[in-house]
Amino acid sequence: MKQKRDRIAPDFHKMHKDMEDMHDFWCNGSEPGSDTNRMETKLCADWYAKEEHRRDALQNQKPLPKLTEEEHPPIEEVDDMHREWCSLDENAPTIPCKMW
């Protein structure tokens, strides 16, 4: 028989803020003064298109909405974003880096 584990409720506000910060960092240019703009990529375009859904999830303290098969961005884009975001020491303790 499996034992029930006590689970700590996730801090939804921190999770959502960390995810927003990571996507802003990646999609709008990762370095101060950078002219890198990835808003046309599937990852960024879909992220910002779902802003209302994310706000609703936060308001109701729920996880981020699941993506459909067609909505999933290329995993390479997601890997690159996490790798760059999490390589910065100040981002290492964020939820996206702990979960990735």
C-alpha atoms as a PDB file:
ATOM      1  CA  MET A   1       0.000   0.000   0.000  1.00  0.00           C
ATOM      2  CA  LYS A   2       1.346   3.406  -0.957  1.00  0.00           C
ATOM      3  CA  GLN A   3       1.842   5.952   1.754  1.00  0.00           C
ATOM      4  CA  LYS A   4       0.359   9.373   1.310  1.00  0.00           C
ATOM      5  CA  ARG A   5       2.955  12.087   1.158  1.00  0.00           C
ATOM      6  CA  ASP A   6       2.388  15.446   2.727  1.00  0.00           C
ATOM      7  CA  ARG A   7       2.649  17.920  -0.083  1.00  0.00           C
ATOM      8  CA  ILE A   8       3.458  21.533   0.349  1.00  0.00           C
ATOM      9  CA  ALA A   9       1.132  23.771  -1.610  1.00  0.00           C
ATOM     10  CA  PRO A  10       3.097  25.546  -4.329  1.00  0.00           C
ATOM     11  CA  ASP A  11       3.513  29.285  -4.101  1.00  0.00           C
ATOM     12  CA  PHE A  12       1.455  30.091  -7.185  1.00  0.00           C
ATOM     13  CA  HIS A  13       2.291  33.796  -7.116  1.00  0.00           C
ATOM     14  CA  LYS A  14       6.032  33.076  -7.100  1.00  0.00           C
ATOM     15  CA  MET A  15       5.689  30.376  -9.752  1.00  0.00           C
ATOM     16  CA  HIS A  16       3.760  32.675 -12.077  1.00  0.00           C
ATOM     17  CA  LYS A  17       6.116  35.598 -11.452  1.00  0.00           C
ATOM     18  CA  ASP A  18       9.190  33.451 -12.111  1.00  0.00           C
ATOM     19  CA  MET A  19       7.680  32.131 -15.334  1.00  0.00           C
ATOM     20  CA  GLU A  20       6.702  35.637 -16.468  1.00  0.00           C
ATOM     21  CA  ASP A  21      10.182  36.940 -15.651  1.00  0.00           C
ATOM     22  CA  MET A  22      11.870  34.095 -17.527  1.00  0.00           C
ATOM     23  CA  HIS A  23       9.717  34.575 -20.629  1.00  0.00           C
ATOM     24  CA  ASP A  24      10.189  38.358 -20.562  1.00  0.00           C
ATOM     25  CA  PHE A  25      13.946  37.821 -20.251  1.00  0.00           C
ATOM     26  CA  TRP A  26      14.009  35.383 -23.167  1.00  0.00           C
ATOM     27  CA  CYS A  27      11.428  36.867 -25.522  1.00  0.00           C
ATOM     28  CA  ASN A  28      12.336  40.531 -25.144  1.00  0.00           C
ATOM     29  CA  GLY A  29      16.105  40.186 -25.117  1.00  0.00           C
ATOM     30  CA  SER A  30      18.141  38.475 -22.465  1.00  0.00           C
ATOM     31  CA  GLU A  31      20.801  41.114 -21.949  1.00  0.00           C
ATOM     32  CA  PRO A  32      20.316  44.742 -20.948  1.00  0.00           C
ATOM     33  CA  GLY A  33      20.550  46.871 -24.074  1.00  0.00           C
ATOM     34  CA  SER A  34      20.200  43.790 -26.283  1.00  0.00           C
ATOM     35  CA  ASP A  35      18.304  44.133 -29.518  1.00  0.00           C
ATOM     36  CA  THR A  36      17.430  40.424 -29.416  1.00  0.00           C
ATOM     37  CA  ASN A  37      13.724  39.980 -29.853  1.00  0.00           C
ATOM     38  CA  ARG A  38      12.256  36.500 -30.038  1.00  0.00           C
ATOM     39  CA  MET A  39       8.598  37.569 -30.039  1.00  0.00           C
ATOM     40  CA  GLU A  40       8.048  35.949 -33.444  1.00  0.00           C
ATOM     41  CA  THR A  41       9.120  32.499 -32.224  1.00  0.00           C
ATOM     42  CA  LYS A  42       6.414  29.965 -31.442  1.00  0.00           C
ATOM     43  CA  LEU A  43       7.476  29.851 -27.801  1.00  0.00           C
ATOM     44  CA  CYS A  44       7.092  33.596 -27.255  1.00  0.00           C
ATOM     45  CA  ALA A  45       4.094  34.218 -29.503  1.00  0.00           C
ATOM     46  CA  ASP A  46       2.092  31.439 -27.853  1.00  0.00           C
ATOM     47  CA  TRP A  47       3.162  32.475 -24.335  1.00  0.00           C
ATOM     48  CA  TYR A  48       1.894  36.021 -24.729  1.00  0.00           C
ATOM     49  CA  ALA A  49      -1.239  34.904 -26.600  1.00  0.00           C
ATOM     50  CA  LYS A  50      -2.256  32.958 -23.468  1.00  0.00           C
ATOM     51  CA  GLU A  51      -1.799  35.867 -21.048  1.00  0.00           C
ATOM     52  CA  GLU A  52      -5.465  35.958 -20.055  1.00  0.00           C
ATOM     53  CA  HIS A  53      -5.443  32.223 -19.277  1.00  0.00           C
ATOM     54  CA  ARG A  54      -2.365  32.649 -17.088  1.00  0.00           C
ATOM     55  CA  ARG A  55      -3.929  35.567 -15.203  1.00  0.00           C
ATOM     56  CA  ASP A  56      -7.022  33.452 -14.561  1.00  0.00           C
ATOM     57  CA  ALA A  57      -4.885  30.562 -13.291  1.00  0.00           C
ATOM     58  CA  LEU A  58      -3.024  32.880 -10.922  1.00  0.00           C
ATOM     59  CA  GLN A  59      -6.217  34.435  -9.649  1.00  0.00           C
ATOM     60  CA  ASN A  60      -7.614  30.973  -8.914  1.00  0.00           C
ATOM     61  CA  GLN A  61      -4.292  29.634  -7.565  1.00  0.00           C
ATOM     62  CA  LYS A  62      -3.993  26.952 -10.203  1.00  0.00           C
ATOM     63  CA  PRO A  63      -1.026  25.768 -12.254  1.00  0.00           C
ATOM     64  CA  LEU A  64      -0.341  27.271 -15.640  1.00  0.00           C
ATOM     65  CA  PRO A  65      -2.734  26.013 -18.331  1.00  0.00           C
ATOM     66  CA  LYS A  66      -1.603  22.861 -20.144  1.00  0.00           C
ATOM     67  CA  LEU A  67      -0.750  23.230 -23.796  1.00  0.00           C
ATOM     68  CA  THR A  68      -2.331  21.140 -26.503  1.00  0.00           C
ATOM     69  CA  GLU A  69      -0.112  19.081 -28.804  1.00  0.00           C
ATOM     70  CA  GLU A  70      -0.309  21.774 -31.504  1.00  0.00           C
ATOM     71  CA  GLU A  71       0.528  24.543 -29.028  1.00  0.00           C
ATOM     72  CA  HIS A  72       3.783  23.034 -27.796  1.00  0.00           C
ATOM     73  CA  PRO A  73       6.776  25.076 -28.989  1.00  0.00           C
ATOM     74  CA  PRO A  74       9.857  23.261 -30.258  1.00  0.00           C
ATOM     75  CA  ILE A  75      11.613  21.720 -27.265  1.00  0.00           C
ATOM     76  CA  GLU A  76      14.890  23.271 -28.459  1.00  0.00           C
ATOM     77  CA  GLU A  77      13.428  26.757 -27.871  1.00  0.00           C
ATOM     78  CA  VAL A  78      12.286  25.788 -24.385  1.00  0.00           C
ATOM     79  CA  ASP A  79      15.651  24.177 -23.573  1.00  0.00           C
ATOM     80  CA  ASP A  80      17.563  27.238 -24.799  1.00  0.00           C
ATOM     81  CA  MET A  81      15.394  29.577 -22.732  1.00  0.00           C
ATOM     82  CA  HIS A  82      15.791  27.539 -19.537  1.00  0.00           C
ATOM     83  CA  ARG A  83      19.508  26.996 -20.084  1.00  0.00           C
ATOM     84  CA  GLU A  84      20.192  30.718 -20.519  1.00  0.00           C
ATOM     85  CA  TRP A  85      17.851  31.840 -17.707  1.00  0.00           C
ATOM     86  CA  CYS A  86      19.091  29.242 -15.228  1.00  0.00           C
ATOM     87  CA  SER A  87      22.774  29.839 -16.042  1.00  0.00           C
ATOM     88  CA  LEU A  88      22.543  33.153 -14.204  1.00  0.00           C
ATOM     89  CA  ASP A  89      23.302  32.694 -10.497  1.00  0.00           C
ATOM     90  CA  GLU A  90      20.445  34.940  -9.383  1.00  0.00           C
ATOM     91  CA  ASN A  91      17.935  32.777 -11.271  1.00  0.00           C
ATOM     92  CA  ALA A  92      19.119  29.393  -9.986  1.00  0.00           C
ATOM     93  CA  PRO A  93      16.696  29.399  -7.013  1.00  0.00           C
ATOM     94  CA  THR A  94      13.663  30.234  -9.189  1.00  0.00           C
ATOM     95  CA  ILE A  95      10.919  27.675  -9.684  1.00  0.00           C
ATOM     96  CA  PRO A  96      11.570  27.174 -13.433  1.00  0.00           C
ATOM     97  CA  CYS A  97      15.190  26.213 -12.673  1.00  0.00           C
ATOM     98  CA  LYS A  98      14.243  23.898  -9.827  1.00  0.00           C
ATOM     99  CA  MET A  99      11.659  22.126 -11.979  1.00  0.00           C
ATOM    100  CA  TRP A 100      13.573  21.913 -15.266  1.00  0.00           C
END
